[in-house]
Protein backbone atom coordinates (compact mmCIF):
# COMPACT_ATOMS: atom_id res chain seq x y z
CA MET A 1 -1.70 117.80 1.71
CA LEU A 2 -0.10 118.57 -1.61
CA LYS A 3 2.47 116.16 -1.37
CA SER A 4 0.32 112.82 0.47
CA LYS A 5 -1.98 114.08 -3.62
CA ILE A 6 1.36 113.31 -5.41
CA VAL A 7 2.28 110.60 -3.27
CA LEU A 8 -1.18 108.72 -4.12
CA SER A 9 -0.71 109.54 -7.66
CA VAL A 10 2.37 107.79 -7.86
CA ILE A 11 0.80 105.25 -6.30
CA ILE A 12 -1.73 104.70 -8.39
CA PHE A 13 0.75 105.71 -11.71
CA LEU A 14 2.60 102.58 -10.44
CA PHE A 15 0.12 99.71 -9.68
CA LEU A 16 -1.28 100.38 -12.86
CA PHE A 17 1.63 100.44 -14.88
CA SER A 18 2.58 96.83 -13.23
CA LEU A 19 -1.04 95.37 -13.66
CA THR A 20 -0.49 96.52 -17.46
CA SER A 21 2.61 95.15 -18.04
CA PHE A 22 1.29 91.88 -16.70
CA LEU A 23 -2.07 92.04 -18.33
CA LYS A 24 -0.35 92.52 -21.52
CA ASN A 25 2.14 89.46 -20.90
CA GLU A 26 -0.51 87.07 -19.87
CA THR A 27 -2.17 87.90 -23.43
CA ARG A 28 1.23 87.14 -25.42
CA ILE A 29 1.11 84.11 -23.63
CA ILE A 30 -2.50 83.20 -24.66
CA GLU A 31 -2.47 84.66 -28.15
CA LYS A 32 0.94 81.98 -28.25
CA ASN A 33 -1.22 79.00 -26.84
CA ILE A 34 -3.95 80.10 -29.53
CA ASN A 35 -1.55 79.84 -32.32
CA THR A 36 -0.29 76.60 -31.30
CA ILE A 37 -3.26 75.32 -31.17
CA LYS A 38 -5.21 76.55 -34.98
CA LEU A 39 -1.36 74.68 -35.86
CA ASN A 40 -2.51 71.72 -34.46
CA ILE A 41 -5.88 71.74 -36.11
CA ASN A 42 -4.52 72.72 -39.32
CA ASN A 43 -2.38 69.68 -39.39
CA PHE A 44 -5.56 67.25 -37.94
CA GLN A 45 -7.57 69.03 -40.82
CA LYS A 46 -5.02 68.24 -43.29
CA LYS A 47 -4.34 64.69 -41.96
CA ILE A 48 -7.77 64.06 -42.54
CA TYR A 49 -8.13 64.64 -45.47
CA GLU A 50 -5.52 62.74 -46.91
CA THR A 51 -6.86 60.05 -44.91
CA LYS A 52 -10.80 60.26 -45.89
CA ILE A 53 -9.15 60.56 -49.75
CA GLU A 54 -6.32 58.03 -49.42
CA TYR A 55 -9.89 55.85 -47.94
CA HIS A 56 -11.63 56.54 -51.19
CA TYR A 57 -9.15 55.35 -53.74
CA LEU A 58 -8.01 52.00 -51.74
CA SER A 59 -11.90 51.38 -50.89
CA SER A 60 -12.82 51.69 -54.78
CA PRO A 61 -14.80 48.75 -56.09
CA ALA A 62 -11.91 49.03 -59.07
CA ASN A 63 -8.74 48.65 -56.84
CA LEU A 64 -9.79 46.25 -55.10
CA GLU A 65 -10.96 44.28 -57.97
CA LYS A 66 -7.54 44.14 -59.16
CA GLU A 67 -5.33 43.99 -56.34
CA ILE A 68 -7.70 40.94 -55.55
CA LYS A 69 -7.08 39.90 -59.30
CA LEU A 70 -3.30 40.31 -58.61
CA LEU A 71 -3.45 37.52 -55.86
CA GLY A 72 -4.67 35.18 -57.86
CA ILE A 73 -8.70 34.77 -56.36
CA ASP A 74 -12.02 34.99 -57.62
CA TYR A 75 -13.61 37.90 -57.96
CA ILE A 76 -17.31 38.22 -57.16
CA PRO A 77 -18.25 41.68 -57.33
CA ILE A 78 -21.29 42.59 -55.57
CA SER A 79 -24.68 44.41 -55.98
CA LYS A 80 -23.49 48.89 -56.06
CA SER A 81 -26.45 49.46 -53.04
CA ASN A 82 -24.21 47.87 -50.52
CA ILE A 83 -21.34 50.25 -51.98
CA TYR A 84 -21.16 54.17 -49.87
CA GLN A 85 -20.31 56.61 -52.22
CA ASN A 86 -18.50 58.84 -49.55
CA LEU A 87 -17.85 58.17 -46.04
CA ASP A 88 -20.63 60.37 -44.52
CA GLU A 89 -23.14 57.73 -45.98
CA PHE A 90 -21.18 55.46 -44.32
CA LEU A 91 -20.80 56.88 -41.37
CA ILE A 92 -24.94 57.61 -41.45
CA GLU A 93 -25.15 53.75 -42.18
CA GLN A 94 -23.21 53.19 -38.91
CA LYS A 95 -24.90 54.96 -36.71
CA LYS A 96 -27.94 53.59 -37.90
CA MET A 97 -26.83 50.04 -36.91
CA SER A 98 -25.54 51.38 -34.10
CA LYS A 99 -28.68 52.08 -33.09
CA ILE A 100 -30.09 49.20 -34.21
CA GLU A 101 -28.42 46.90 -31.99
CA GLU A 102 -28.64 49.09 -28.62
CA ARG A 103 -32.48 48.56 -28.94
CA TYR A 104 -31.93 45.18 -29.31
CA ILE A 105 -30.01 45.13 -26.53
CA GLU A 106 -32.21 47.08 -24.28
CA LYS A 107 -35.23 44.59 -25.35
CA GLU A 108 -32.84 41.30 -24.23
CA LYS A 109 -31.68 43.06 -20.86
CA LYS A 110 -35.37 43.54 -19.88
CA LYS A 111 -36.99 39.44 -20.65
């Protein structure tokens, strides 16, 4: 009776010990994957930030006017209301335009 209790206790101990090792290794693998994904996200955020800065610089009216003058083309400035102040305003306007186009296409399909 005493031997069976000891054997059962040892078996349970070994099972739990191996389970703990397995879980620890799996957790370590998951943490490595999370760190890798975080690094990728940080790199993408940095690239997006740099791209936004580049877009705003290259699309500013003063820089465009300077580049057009270097090319020797007559430049007629557009009204300031047609120039977007930032990327968010441009994206909002694009969404509005795409919704209008979708409605128009749906109306044409119904006819």
